[in-house]
Protein backbone atom coordinates (compact mmCIF):
# COMPACT_ATOMS: atom_id res chain seq x y z
CA UNK A 1 21.25 9.86 -6.05
CA UNK A 2 22.12 11.87 -2.95
CA UNK A 3 20.25 11.50 0.32
CA UNK A 4 18.86 15.10 0.22
CA UNK A 5 17.52 14.41 -3.30
CA UNK A 6 15.84 11.18 -2.17
CA UNK A 7 14.29 12.94 0.84
CA UNK A 8 13.03 15.74 -1.42
CA UNK A 9 11.53 13.28 -3.95
CA UNK A 10 9.85 11.25 -1.20
CA UNK A 11 8.41 14.47 0.29
CA UNK A 12 7.18 15.54 -3.16
CA UNK A 13 5.47 12.17 -3.68
CA UNK A 14 3.84 12.40 -0.23
CA UNK A 15 2.62 15.90 -1.05
CA UNK A 16 1.16 14.66 -4.35
CA UNK A 17 -0.78 11.99 -2.44
CA UNK A 18 -1.99 14.59 0.09
CA UNK A 19 -3.43 16.68 -2.73
CA UNK A 20 -5.34 13.78 -4.29
CA UNK A 21 -2.70 12.43 -6.66
CA UNK A 22 -1.90 8.85 -7.57
CA UNK A 23 1.74 8.03 -6.89
CA UNK A 24 4.13 5.15 -7.50
CA UNK A 25 6.80 3.81 -5.16
CA UNK A 26 8.95 0.73 -4.60
CA UNK A 27 7.85 -1.92 -2.10
CA UNK A 28 9.30 -5.19 -0.83
CA UNK A 29 8.84 -7.03 -4.17
CA UNK A 30 7.15 -4.84 -6.79
CA UNK A 31 6.35 -1.21 -7.50
CA UNK A 32 3.13 -0.01 -5.94
CA UNK A 33 0.53 2.57 -6.83
CA UNK A 34 -0.73 4.59 -3.92
CA UNK A 35 -3.20 7.25 -2.89
CA UNK A 36 -4.75 8.83 0.17
CA UNK A 37 -7.05 6.16 1.72
CA UNK A 38 -9.43 8.91 2.83
CA UNK A 39 -9.86 10.36 -0.67
CA UNK A 40 -12.41 8.33 -2.67
CA UNK A 41 -11.74 10.33 -5.86
CA UNK A 42 -8.02 9.50 -5.69
CA UNK A 43 -8.75 5.82 -5.10
CA UNK A 44 -11.24 5.85 -7.97
CA UNK A 45 -8.54 7.30 -10.28
CA UNK A 46 -6.04 4.69 -9.08
CA UNK A 47 -8.49 1.85 -9.78
CA UNK A 48 -9.31 3.28 -13.21
CA UNK A 49 -5.59 3.41 -14.09
CA UNK A 50 -5.22 -0.24 -13.12
CA UNK A 51 -8.57 -1.22 -14.64
CA UNK A 52 -9.20 -2.89 -11.28
CA UNK A 53 -12.71 -3.50 -9.97
CA UNK A 54 -13.63 -1.61 -6.80
CA UNK A 55 -15.06 -4.89 -5.46
CA UNK A 56 -11.54 -6.34 -5.04
CA UNK A 57 -10.46 -3.82 -2.40
CA UNK A 58 -6.93 -2.54 -1.83
CA UNK A 59 -4.18 -2.85 0.77
CA UNK A 60 -3.11 -0.11 3.18
CA UNK A 61 0.58 0.11 4.02
CA UNK A 62 1.99 2.00 6.98
CA UNK A 63 5.36 2.94 8.42
CA UNK A 64 4.54 1.64 11.88
CA UNK A 65 1.80 0.18 14.03
CA UNK A 66 0.72 3.59 15.33
CA UNK A 67 -0.25 4.69 11.81
CA UNK A 68 -2.81 1.90 11.45
CA UNK A 69 -4.04 1.79 15.02
CA UNK A 70 -7.45 3.28 14.07
CA UNK A 71 -8.05 0.32 11.72
CA UNK A 72 -7.11 -2.25 14.38
CA UNK A 73 -9.39 -1.41 17.29
CA UNK A 74 -10.84 -3.41 18.87
CA UNK A 75 -8.68 -6.53 18.61
CA UNK A 76 -8.01 -9.31 21.06
CA UNK A 77 -4.51 -9.17 22.56
CA UNK A 78 -3.59 -12.51 20.93
CA UNK A 79 -4.59 -11.18 17.50
CA UNK A 80 -2.61 -7.99 18.02
CA UNK A 81 0.40 -10.07 19.09
CA UNK A 82 0.20 -12.09 15.86
CA UNK A 83 0.23 -8.89 13.79
CA UNK A 84 3.10 -7.35 15.72
CA UNK A 85 5.17 -10.54 15.42
CA UNK A 86 5.03 -10.35 11.60
CA UNK A 87 5.59 -6.59 11.20
CA UNK A 88 7.35 -4.75 9.82
CA UNK A 89 7.57 -7.09 6.88
CA UNK A 90 5.92 -8.53 3.80
CA UNK A 91 2.82 -9.97 5.47
CA UNK A 92 -0.54 -8.33 4.78
CA UNK A 93 -3.28 -9.18 7.25
CA UNK A 94 -7.02 -9.15 6.59
CA UNK A 95 -8.41 -7.56 9.75
CA UNK A 96 -12.11 -7.09 10.59
CA UNK A 97 -13.32 -3.68 9.43
CA UNK A 98 -14.94 -1.91 12.34
CA UNK A 99 -16.22 0.92 10.18
CA UNK A 100 -12.97 2.85 9.77
CA UNK A 101 -12.32 1.76 6.18
CA UNK A 102 -14.70 2.74 3.40
CA UNK A 103 -15.82 0.33 0.70
CA UNK A 104 -13.27 2.05 -1.56
CA UNK A 105 -10.70 0.29 0.64
CA UNK A 106 -12.48 -2.95 1.54
CA UNK A 107 -14.27 -3.60 -1.74
CA UNK A 108 -16.92 -6.27 -1.23
CA UNK A 109 -15.22 -7.63 1.90
CA UNK A 110 -15.80 -7.16 5.62
CA UNK A 111 -12.08 -6.94 6.25
CA UNK A 112 -9.39 -4.36 5.62
CA UNK A 113 -5.98 -5.45 4.30
CA UNK A 114 -3.12 -3.94 6.36
CA UNK A 115 0.68 -4.14 6.27
CA UNK A 116 3.47 -2.38 8.13
CA UNK A 117 6.15 -2.21 5.47
CA UNK A 118 9.84 -2.75 5.99
CA UNK A 119 10.82 -1.21 2.66
CA UNK A 120 12.80 1.97 3.47
CA UNK A 121 11.28 4.14 0.72
CA UNK A 122 7.70 2.98 1.29
CA UNK A 123 8.19 3.51 5.03
CA UNK A 124 9.65 7.01 4.49
CA UNK A 125 6.77 7.82 2.17
CA UNK A 126 4.17 6.84 4.80
CA UNK A 127 6.02 8.89 7.41
CA UNK A 128 6.14 11.92 5.09
CA UNK A 129 2.47 11.44 4.21
CA UNK A 130 1.59 11.21 7.90
CA UNK A 131 -0.32 7.94 7.77
CA UNK A 132 -1.08 4.83 5.78
CA UNK A 133 -1.33 4.83 2.01
CA UNK A 134 -3.33 2.74 -0.40
CA UNK A 135 -0.98 0.18 -1.93
CA UNK A 136 -1.64 -1.97 -4.97
CA UNK A 137 0.76 -3.31 -7.55
CA UNK A 138 1.75 -0.87 -10.28
CA UNK A 139 0.35 -2.56 -13.35
CA UNK A 140 -2.78 -2.56 -15.46
CA UNK A 141 -5.00 -5.56 -14.63
CA UNK A 142 -3.67 -8.67 -16.37
CA UNK A 143 -0.12 -7.30 -16.85
CA UNK A 144 2.97 -8.21 -14.83
CA UNK A 145 3.61 -5.92 -11.84
CA UNK A 146 6.26 -3.28 -12.50
CA UNK A 147 9.66 -4.07 -11.00
CA UNK A 148 11.36 -0.86 -12.12
CA UNK A 149 10.41 2.81 -12.30
CA UNK A 150 10.88 2.55 -16.09
CA UNK A 151 8.12 -0.09 -16.22
CA UNK A 152 5.89 2.20 -14.14
CA UNK A 153 6.50 4.97 -16.69
CA UNK A 154 5.79 2.57 -19.55
CA UNK A 155 2.47 1.49 -18.01
CA UNK A 156 1.20 4.86 -16.79
CA UNK A 157 3.30 7.70 -18.24
CA UNK A 158 2.03 11.08 -17.05
CA UNK A 159 -1.19 9.64 -15.62
CA UNK A 160 0.41 9.46 -12.16
CA UNK A 161 1.43 12.56 -10.25
CA UNK A 162 4.72 11.40 -8.70
CA UNK A 163 7.20 8.54 -8.64
CA UNK A 164 9.22 8.08 -5.47
CA UNK A 165 12.88 7.15 -5.94
CA UNK A 166 14.38 3.76 -5.24
CA UNK A 167 14.28 0.11 -6.13
CA UNK A 168 12.13 -2.79 -5.05
CA UNK A 169 13.34 -5.06 -2.29
CA UNK A 170 14.87 -8.49 -2.80
CA UNK A 171 11.61 -10.43 -2.53
CA UNK A 172 10.41 -12.21 -5.66
CA UNK A 173 6.75 -12.56 -4.62
CA UNK A 174 4.21 -9.92 -3.53
CA UNK A 175 3.32 -9.85 0.16
CA UNK A 176 1.61 -12.82 1.69
CA UNK A 177 -2.03 -12.16 2.54
CA UNK A 178 -3.44 -13.88 5.66
CA UNK A 179 -6.83 -13.70 7.32
CA UNK A 180 -6.42 -12.73 10.97
CA UNK A 181 -9.58 -14.52 12.13
CA UNK A 182 -9.22 -17.80 10.25
CA UNK A 183 -5.45 -17.99 9.67
CA UNK A 184 -6.15 -18.84 6.02
CA UNK A 185 -3.46 -17.76 3.56
CA UNK A 186 -5.19 -16.04 0.63
CA UNK A 187 -1.95 -15.35 -1.26
CA UNK A 188 1.34 -17.06 -0.46
CA UNK A 189 4.32 -14.75 -0.18
């Protein structure tokens, strides 16, 4: 696939998310489903596709620290340093929600899950979208996460509005999830 084609397909997927669509894209270890984090109807459709309870919350991925800055303030300098030291990369941090994230994002928790991705397609997608995207594994609840675009198609068919091009990264496990305040690892990576 040529670079102009990839750029066009990433832009088309970003546009689909901007207009309320649910999209799929490769991440560090598995395919993800995404949507605009400020569009409750899009998140609701995404959760319905996955058969995932709203109470569980979702992750936000971003291309860089600047894209998630609104979700970070106010943080102690030492906490910010810990985040920056692990990003970009496959570490998702649970950060206190200071009112920026809706309960469609946080679920029943008082934290918001944030990651600055190092996957080139996911990063390009966030840049084209102009901000962070909802990110959750592309699979119906109870099924294995998709590792190929063909598996995404098998799971969801035409129920998603766009599939970004590319392949998952070399990681074999989904991102590690750590709590910023306690240091507790909720999911090893």
